[in-house]
């Protein structure tokens, strides 16, 4: 049976899913080719071939985070939807094929109720109006639903009445936040956030761990594929690690079996809220591997959330708030090292200074997770020149119907 390509009434004007009209198997082939063209020349040095891309069985409703801009409509109405490709013209949408079904209904009702309560939408050209954006996060393994209202001011007009009406229309909401952004900028979120109603955070689950997510925390948009991505990173980090069962000649005593015997020192760079590192620590614990986890990130809110997530999951970890490059340079200068270093940098990739420090610190392995294969290929050349060899390359489709592809590369010291 052939693949049935989904249809969207605003696909041509929206521009968000640029490959929606392309059958999904062909999308995967294109992404596989993209990774092979960029990384196969590097992987072939060590006779490694690119593994088949890990796609989704059902590539719809995978986005558990959704956002909308708001703009003035006719009369007192407020418009919401998506920006048309290459513009800031808003295209209205009742639903989105790739979003969690709860999200768009909430965002559209925010716009409707704003009009009812005479709350003016933000005007980009004039810098006036209150309501700028709405952001919804929906739990993947939980029923939590968080809404963040981004406003051009310290308060939302008719705040209490508006929230009451919205909660009545959407009882599935578990928290509502107000984020203040008064700058003339394209950035959605400002620095100040306060709780209007409900829980101070939402929770979700990945690979046996529960994570608290704040209104400005980074958390992967596609949790289903995130588990695939993280499992690849975990497999690479733990491959070859000696477990307690393997270390003992026989199951002679229950006490001996229960005692972890291996130590694995891991540094999670660009750790965010600790999701990769803590999932790794949980997996190591189930295999009787004593993992000593350190995470570093320059965003204070991320580090605070990472520490809470470690406590909530009863996992030992140290999370440091610092610039990753500066922190790793200091460690390398001090002669410290780690068995495994995990990298998950932003789209711009890493810097040569950071990568050289990584090569100095990593005694055995590097696991490089990337959302931009172009910058990943550039960075891998530095690591190969620093004495590492590629062991495994696996693409993962985190964003079906777009050209974006993520990739996990395992390297070991040559």
Protein backbone atom coordinates (compact mmCIF):
# COMPACT_ATOMS: atom_id res chain seq x y z
CA UNK A 1 0.00 0.00 0.00
CA UNK A 2 1.40 3.40 -0.95
CA UNK A 3 1.87 6.27 1.44
CA UNK A 4 -1.03 8.74 1.54
CA UNK A 5 0.26 12.31 1.48
CA UNK A 6 -1.68 14.56 3.91
CA UNK A 7 -3.27 17.76 2.65
CA UNK A 8 -3.36 21.14 4.35
CA UNK A 9 -5.52 24.06 3.22
CA UNK A 10 -2.83 26.65 4.02
CA UNK A 11 0.28 24.64 3.06
CA UNK A 12 1.24 26.86 0.12
CA UNK A 13 0.89 30.12 2.04
CA UNK A 14 2.14 28.99 5.45
CA UNK A 15 5.54 27.67 4.45
CA UNK A 16 6.09 25.86 7.73
CA UNK A 17 5.96 22.34 6.26
CA UNK A 18 7.79 22.92 3.01
CA UNK A 19 7.87 19.20 2.17
CA UNK A 20 4.27 18.35 3.10
CA UNK A 21 3.38 17.51 -0.51
CA UNK A 22 6.34 15.13 -0.75
CA UNK A 23 5.53 11.49 0.20
CA UNK A 24 7.15 10.71 3.53
CA UNK A 25 9.35 7.84 2.24
CA UNK A 26 10.83 10.26 -0.30
CA UNK A 27 11.41 12.86 2.43
CA UNK A 28 13.41 10.29 4.36
CA UNK A 29 15.46 9.41 1.27
CA UNK A 30 16.28 13.08 0.72
CA UNK A 31 17.42 13.49 4.31
CA UNK A 32 19.45 10.29 4.15
CA UNK A 33 21.17 11.61 1.03
CA UNK A 34 21.87 14.95 2.70
CA UNK A 35 23.61 13.23 5.63
CA UNK A 36 25.53 10.85 3.37
CA UNK A 37 26.82 13.66 1.15
CA UNK A 38 28.14 15.58 4.15
CA UNK A 39 29.29 12.86 6.53
CA UNK A 40 30.08 9.75 4.44
CA UNK A 41 33.49 11.12 3.33
CA UNK A 42 34.43 11.54 6.99
CA UNK A 43 32.94 8.24 8.17
CA UNK A 44 34.58 6.26 5.35
CA UNK A 45 38.02 7.10 6.75
CA UNK A 46 37.28 4.44 9.37
CA UNK A 47 35.20 2.25 7.00
CA UNK A 48 31.94 3.33 8.65
CA UNK A 49 28.74 3.57 6.61
CA UNK A 50 25.82 5.84 7.42
CA UNK A 51 22.98 3.94 9.09
CA UNK A 52 19.42 4.22 7.71
CA UNK A 53 17.53 7.24 8.99
CA UNK A 54 15.17 6.66 11.90
CA UNK A 55 11.81 8.03 10.76
CA UNK A 56 8.33 8.07 12.30
CA UNK A 57 5.63 5.48 11.71
CA UNK A 58 2.97 8.21 11.76
CA UNK A 59 4.55 11.62 11.03
CA UNK A 60 1.60 13.75 12.15
CA UNK A 61 0.65 15.60 15.38
CA UNK A 62 4.25 15.24 16.58
CA UNK A 63 4.87 18.82 17.70
CA UNK A 64 4.08 19.16 21.40
CA UNK A 65 5.00 22.85 21.43
CA UNK A 66 3.09 25.39 19.35
CA UNK A 67 3.23 29.16 19.06
CA UNK A 68 1.31 31.91 17.34
CA UNK A 69 1.77 35.64 16.79
CA UNK A 70 -1.18 37.94 17.36
CA UNK A 71 -2.14 40.97 15.28
CA UNK A 72 -5.08 43.36 15.05
CA UNK A 73 -8.02 42.17 12.95
CA UNK A 74 -11.15 43.94 11.77
CA UNK A 75 -12.89 45.98 14.43
CA UNK A 76 -12.02 44.63 17.88
CA UNK A 77 -10.97 41.20 16.66
CA UNK A 78 -7.51 39.67 17.07
CA UNK A 79 -5.89 37.50 14.42
CA UNK A 80 -3.74 34.43 15.10
CA UNK A 81 -2.12 31.73 12.99
CA UNK A 82 1.18 31.32 11.15
CA UNK A 83 3.42 33.76 9.35
CA UNK A 84 3.28 33.38 5.59
CA UNK A 85 6.60 32.20 4.20
CA UNK A 86 9.17 35.02 4.20
CA UNK A 87 6.74 37.59 5.66
CA UNK A 88 5.05 38.67 8.88
CA UNK A 89 1.60 38.35 7.33
CA UNK A 90 -0.54 36.08 9.52
CA UNK A 91 -2.32 33.15 7.88
CA UNK A 92 -5.27 31.96 9.99
CA UNK A 93 -5.53 28.25 10.75
CA UNK A 94 -8.18 26.24 12.63
CA UNK A 95 -5.81 23.31 13.05
CA UNK A 96 -2.31 22.14 12.19
CA UNK A 97 -1.51 18.63 11.00
CA UNK A 98 1.87 18.45 12.77
CA UNK A 99 0.84 19.94 16.12
CA UNK A 100 -0.70 18.25 19.14
CA UNK A 101 -4.43 18.72 18.59
CA UNK A 102 -4.91 20.58 21.87
CA UNK A 103 -2.53 23.42 21.08
CA UNK A 104 -4.09 25.26 18.13
CA UNK A 105 -7.58 25.29 19.66
CA UNK A 106 -6.21 27.01 22.77
CA UNK A 107 -4.24 29.59 20.79
CA UNK A 108 -7.21 30.41 18.56
CA UNK A 109 -9.44 30.87 21.60
CA UNK A 110 -6.87 33.21 23.15
CA UNK A 111 -7.29 35.40 20.08
CA UNK A 112 -11.09 35.14 20.20
CA UNK A 113 -11.30 36.00 23.90
CA UNK A 114 -8.83 38.86 23.51
CA UNK A 115 -11.29 40.42 21.09
CA UNK A 116 -14.18 39.80 23.47
CA UNK A 117 -12.33 41.51 26.35
CA UNK A 118 -11.06 44.34 24.14
CA UNK A 119 -7.42 43.33 24.63
CA UNK A 120 -5.47 44.93 21.80
CA UNK A 121 -3.01 42.86 19.80
CA UNK A 122 0.56 44.04 19.35
CA UNK A 123 1.37 46.14 16.28
CA UNK A 124 4.92 45.45 15.14
CA UNK A 125 5.29 48.62 13.11
CA UNK A 126 4.18 50.90 15.96
CA UNK A 127 5.33 48.93 19.00
CA UNK A 128 1.89 49.32 20.59
CA UNK A 129 -0.75 46.88 21.78
CA UNK A 130 -0.63 44.32 24.57
CA UNK A 131 -0.89 40.74 23.26
CA UNK A 132 2.15 39.64 21.24
CA UNK A 133 2.43 35.84 21.17
CA UNK A 134 1.00 32.68 22.68
CA UNK A 135 3.01 29.52 23.33
CA UNK A 136 1.46 26.17 24.29
CA UNK A 137 3.32 23.08 25.52
CA UNK A 138 1.46 19.76 25.73
CA UNK A 139 2.71 16.74 27.62
CA UNK A 140 3.71 13.70 25.58
CA UNK A 141 3.44 11.13 28.37
CA UNK A 142 1.35 13.31 30.71
CA UNK A 143 -1.85 15.34 30.42
CA UNK A 144 -0.17 18.63 31.40
CA UNK A 145 -0.87 21.64 29.18
CA UNK A 146 0.96 24.94 29.72
CA UNK A 147 0.12 28.29 28.12
CA UNK A 148 2.50 31.26 28.02
CA UNK A 149 1.02 34.64 27.06
CA UNK A 150 3.65 37.08 25.83
CA UNK A 151 2.63 40.70 26.41
CA UNK A 152 4.00 44.16 25.75
CA UNK A 153 3.72 45.29 29.38
CA UNK A 154 3.70 44.13 32.97
CA UNK A 155 0.04 43.12 32.94
CA UNK A 156 -2.62 41.82 30.58
CA UNK A 157 -5.75 44.00 30.50
CA UNK A 158 -8.72 42.31 32.21
CA UNK A 159 -6.28 39.65 33.36
CA UNK A 160 -8.44 37.80 35.89
CA UNK A 161 -11.60 37.78 33.80
CA UNK A 162 -9.70 36.71 30.69
CA UNK A 163 -8.00 33.82 32.50
CA UNK A 164 -11.28 32.64 34.01
CA UNK A 165 -12.95 32.59 30.59
CA UNK A 166 -10.01 30.78 29.01
CA UNK A 167 -9.92 28.14 31.76
CA UNK A 168 -13.65 27.58 31.34
CA UNK A 169 -13.21 27.07 27.60
CA UNK A 170 -10.17 24.81 28.09
CA UNK A 171 -10.26 22.87 31.36
CA UNK A 172 -7.32 20.81 30.09
CA UNK A 173 -4.99 23.74 30.90
CA UNK A 174 -2.83 23.09 33.96
CA UNK A 175 -0.95 26.41 34.07
CA UNK A 176 -1.00 29.89 32.53
CA UNK A 177 2.02 32.20 32.57
CA UNK A 178 2.59 35.80 31.55
CA UNK A 179 5.89 36.64 29.86
CA UNK A 180 6.91 40.29 29.54
CA UNK A 181 8.53 41.35 26.26
CA UNK A 182 8.58 45.12 25.71
CA UNK A 183 11.46 45.19 23.24
CA UNK A 184 11.14 45.92 19.52
CA UNK A 185 12.48 42.51 18.55
CA UNK A 186 11.57 39.36 16.63
CA UNK A 187 12.41 37.24 19.68
CA UNK A 188 9.23 35.74 21.10
CA UNK A 189 10.05 35.57 24.81
CA UNK A 190 11.29 38.24 27.16
CA UNK A 191 13.34 37.74 30.33
CA UNK A 192 10.57 38.20 32.92
CA UNK A 193 7.90 35.54 33.50
CA UNK A 194 5.29 35.17 36.23
CA UNK A 195 2.61 32.63 37.01
CA UNK A 196 -0.97 33.74 36.46
CA UNK A 197 -2.68 30.49 37.43
CA UNK A 198 -1.98 26.81 38.07
CA UNK A 199 1.19 24.78 38.50
CA UNK A 200 4.61 26.43 38.55
CA UNK A 201 5.83 23.94 35.92
CA UNK A 202 4.61 21.06 33.79
CA UNK A 203 6.03 17.56 33.65
CA UNK A 204 6.72 15.01 30.96
CA UNK A 205 8.48 11.66 30.73
CA UNK A 206 11.33 10.41 28.56
CA UNK A 207 12.95 6.96 28.75
CA UNK A 208 11.86 6.29 32.32
CA UNK A 209 12.70 9.76 33.68
CA UNK A 210 10.27 12.50 34.68
CA UNK A 211 11.19 16.08 33.79
CA UNK A 212 9.88 19.38 35.06
CA UNK A 213 9.53 21.96 32.30
CA UNK A 214 9.32 25.67 33.02
CA UNK A 215 7.70 28.30 30.80
CA UNK A 216 11.06 29.27 29.24
CA UNK A 217 12.87 25.92 29.53
CA UNK A 218 14.27 24.19 26.48
CA UNK A 219 12.53 20.88 25.83
CA UNK A 220 12.46 18.98 22.57
CA UNK A 221 9.39 19.65 20.42
CA UNK A 222 9.01 16.05 19.24
CA UNK A 223 9.29 13.84 22.37
CA UNK A 224 8.56 10.61 20.50
CA UNK A 225 11.62 11.01 18.27
CA UNK A 226 13.56 12.50 21.14
CA UNK A 227 13.46 9.09 22.79
CA UNK A 228 14.94 7.59 19.61
CA UNK A 229 17.63 10.29 19.51
CA UNK A 230 18.52 9.95 23.18
CA UNK A 231 18.60 6.16 23.07
CA UNK A 232 21.19 6.33 20.30
CA UNK A 233 23.28 8.70 22.42
CA UNK A 234 22.89 6.42 25.46
CA UNK A 235 23.86 3.33 23.48
CA UNK A 236 26.97 5.07 22.24
CA UNK A 237 27.97 6.37 25.67
CA UNK A 238 27.51 3.02 27.43
CA UNK A 239 28.85 0.73 24.71
CA UNK A 240 31.72 -1.30 26.12
CA UNK A 241 31.16 -0.15 29.70
CA UNK A 242 31.63 -2.98 32.16
CA UNK A 243 28.58 -3.74 34.29
CA UNK A 244 28.63 -5.30 37.71
CA UNK A 245 27.23 -8.57 36.37
CA UNK A 246 29.97 -8.79 33.75
CA UNK A 247 32.66 -7.97 36.29
CA UNK A 248 31.72 -10.82 38.65
CA UNK A 249 32.73 -14.38 37.76
CA UNK A 250 29.46 -15.78 39.10
CA UNK A 251 26.35 -14.82 41.04
CA UNK A 252 27.90 -16.12 44.22
CA UNK A 253 26.30 -13.65 46.58
CA UNK A 254 23.36 -11.27 46.26
CA UNK A 255 25.33 -8.57 48.06
CA UNK A 256 28.12 -8.66 45.50
CA UNK A 257 25.71 -8.52 42.60
CA UNK A 258 23.92 -5.48 43.99
CA UNK A 259 27.09 -3.37 44.27
CA UNK A 260 28.00 -1.28 41.21
CA UNK A 261 31.64 -1.83 40.24
CA UNK A 262 32.18 0.44 37.24
CA UNK A 263 32.78 4.17 37.17
CA UNK A 264 31.95 6.15 34.04
CA UNK A 265 32.73 9.87 34.09
CA UNK A 266 30.46 11.78 31.72
CA UNK A 267 30.29 15.46 30.81
CA UNK A 268 27.07 16.72 29.21
CA UNK A 269 27.96 19.96 27.45
CA UNK A 270 25.14 22.33 26.46
CA UNK A 271 23.11 20.26 28.94
CA UNK A 272 19.96 22.42 29.03
CA UNK A 273 17.58 21.03 31.65
CA UNK A 274 19.63 17.84 31.88
CA UNK A 275 17.45 15.58 29.77
CA UNK A 276 20.14 13.65 27.84
CA UNK A 277 22.50 13.27 30.80
CA UNK A 278 19.81 12.21 33.26
CA UNK A 279 18.32 9.67 30.83
CA UNK A 280 21.85 8.31 30.45
CA UNK A 281 22.34 8.20 34.23
CA UNK A 282 19.05 6.32 34.61
CA UNK A 283 20.05 3.79 31.94
CA UNK A 284 23.45 3.31 33.57
CA UNK A 285 21.83 2.70 36.95
CA UNK A 286 19.70 -0.11 35.50
CA UNK A 287 22.91 -1.71 34.18
CA UNK A 288 24.80 -1.39 37.49
CA UNK A 289 27.19 1.16 36.02
CA UNK A 290 28.20 3.91 38.42
CA UNK A 291 27.94 7.02 36.28
CA UNK A 292 29.44 10.29 37.50
CA UNK A 293 27.53 12.95 35.59
CA UNK A 294 28.49 16.61 35.18
CA UNK A 295 26.42 19.00 33.08
CA UNK A 296 27.26 22.55 32.01
CA UNK A 297 25.03 25.25 30.51
CA UNK A 298 25.21 29.03 30.59
CA UNK A 299 21.47 29.59 31.20
CA UNK A 300 20.75 29.80 34.94
CA UNK A 301 17.11 28.75 34.56
CA UNK A 302 18.17 25.59 32.70
CA UNK A 303 20.65 24.65 35.42
CA UNK A 304 18.12 25.20 38.20
CA UNK A 305 15.64 22.98 36.39
CA UNK A 306 18.34 20.35 35.71
CA UNK A 307 19.15 20.15 39.43
CA UNK A 308 15.47 19.76 40.27
CA UNK A 309 15.12 17.05 37.64
CA UNK A 310 18.07 15.16 39.12
CA UNK A 311 16.53 15.31 42.61
CA UNK A 312 13.08 14.31 41.36
CA UNK A 313 14.52 11.26 39.61
CA UNK A 314 16.80 10.42 42.58
CA UNK A 315 19.89 10.60 40.40
CA UNK A 316 23.30 11.93 41.41
CA UNK A 317 24.60 14.67 39.13
CA UNK A 318 26.45 17.98 39.26
CA UNK A 319 25.15 20.82 37.09
CA UNK A 320 27.32 23.89 36.55
CA UNK A 321 26.12 27.30 35.29
CA UNK A 322 28.93 28.56 33.08
CA UNK A 323 29.90 29.15 29.49
CA UNK A 324 30.69 25.66 28.19
CA UNK A 325 33.85 26.72 26.36
CA UNK A 326 35.27 28.62 29.32
CA UNK A 327 34.42 25.80 31.71
CA UNK A 328 35.98 23.10 29.56
CA UNK A 329 39.11 25.12 28.88
CA UNK A 330 39.60 25.53 32.64
CA UNK A 331 39.17 21.80 33.21
CA UNK A 332 41.62 20.92 30.43
CA UNK A 333 44.18 23.38 31.83
CA UNK A 334 43.74 21.73 35.23
CA UNK A 335 44.47 18.30 33.74
CA UNK A 336 41.03 16.84 34.35
CA UNK A 337 39.30 14.40 32.01
CA UNK A 338 36.11 12.42 31.34
CA UNK A 339 35.45 9.02 29.83
CA UNK A 340 32.60 10.34 27.66
CA UNK A 341 31.62 13.83 26.54
CA UNK A 342 28.17 14.47 25.06
CA UNK A 343 27.73 17.47 22.77
CA UNK A 344 24.35 18.85 21.70
CA UNK A 345 25.16 22.38 20.50
CA UNK A 346 22.84 24.92 18.85
CA UNK A 347 22.47 25.04 15.07
CA UNK A 348 25.60 27.17 14.73
CA UNK A 349 27.62 24.25 16.07
CA UNK A 350 30.68 24.52 18.28
CA UNK A 351 33.85 26.62 18.06
CA UNK A 352 37.38 25.33 17.37
CA UNK A 353 38.36 26.38 20.89
CA UNK A 354 35.53 24.36 22.41
CA UNK A 355 36.25 21.33 20.22
CA UNK A 356 39.95 21.32 21.08
CA UNK A 357 39.09 21.44 24.77
CA UNK A 358 36.66 18.56 24.19
CA UNK A 359 39.38 16.49 22.53
CA UNK A 360 41.70 17.14 25.48
CA UNK A 361 39.10 16.16 28.09
CA UNK A 362 37.54 13.11 26.41
CA UNK A 363 39.61 10.04 27.22
CA UNK A 364 37.46 7.47 25.41
CA UNK A 365 34.39 8.73 23.57
CA UNK A 366 32.51 11.72 22.22
CA UNK A 367 28.81 11.57 21.37
CA UNK A 368 27.90 14.44 19.06
CA UNK A 369 24.17 15.16 18.66
CA UNK A 370 23.40 17.82 16.06
CA UNK A 371 20.40 19.58 14.54
CA UNK A 372 22.53 20.94 11.68
CA UNK A 373 24.55 18.41 9.70
CA UNK A 374 26.45 21.16 7.87
CA UNK A 375 28.01 22.56 11.05
CA UNK A 376 28.36 19.04 12.45
CA UNK A 377 30.50 18.02 9.45
CA UNK A 378 32.67 21.09 9.97
CA UNK A 379 33.14 20.30 13.68
CA UNK A 380 33.82 16.60 13.08
CA UNK A 381 36.85 17.50 10.95
CA UNK A 382 38.37 19.25 13.98
CA UNK A 383 37.71 16.23 16.20
CA UNK A 384 39.16 13.82 13.64
CA UNK A 385 42.29 15.97 13.39
CA UNK A 386 42.50 15.84 17.19
CA UNK A 387 42.84 12.06 17.34
CA UNK A 388 39.28 10.72 17.23
CA UNK A 389 37.65 8.32 14.78
CA UNK A 390 33.99 7.98 13.79
CA UNK A 391 32.36 4.73 14.94
CA UNK A 392 28.69 5.23 14.10
CA UNK A 393 26.49 7.75 12.27
CA UNK A 394 22.70 7.65 12.58
CA UNK A 395 20.30 10.28 11.16
CA UNK A 396 17.00 10.88 12.99
CA UNK A 397 13.96 12.62 11.53
CA UNK A 398 12.79 14.95 14.29
CA UNK A 399 10.77 17.25 12.01
CA UNK A 400 8.83 15.41 9.30
CA UNK A 401 7.62 17.48 6.33
CA UNK A 402 10.56 19.88 6.69
CA UNK A 403 14.10 19.74 5.30
CA UNK A 404 15.64 19.54 8.77
CA UNK A 405 17.38 16.39 9.99
CA UNK A 406 19.23 15.55 13.21
CA UNK A 407 22.18 13.23 13.47
CA UNK A 408 23.97 11.30 16.22
CA UNK A 409 27.67 10.57 15.67
CA UNK A 410 29.72 8.38 17.99
CA UNK A 411 33.48 8.92 18.08
CA UNK A 412 36.23 7.10 19.95
CA UNK A 413 39.86 7.94 20.53
CA UNK A 414 41.83 6.47 17.63
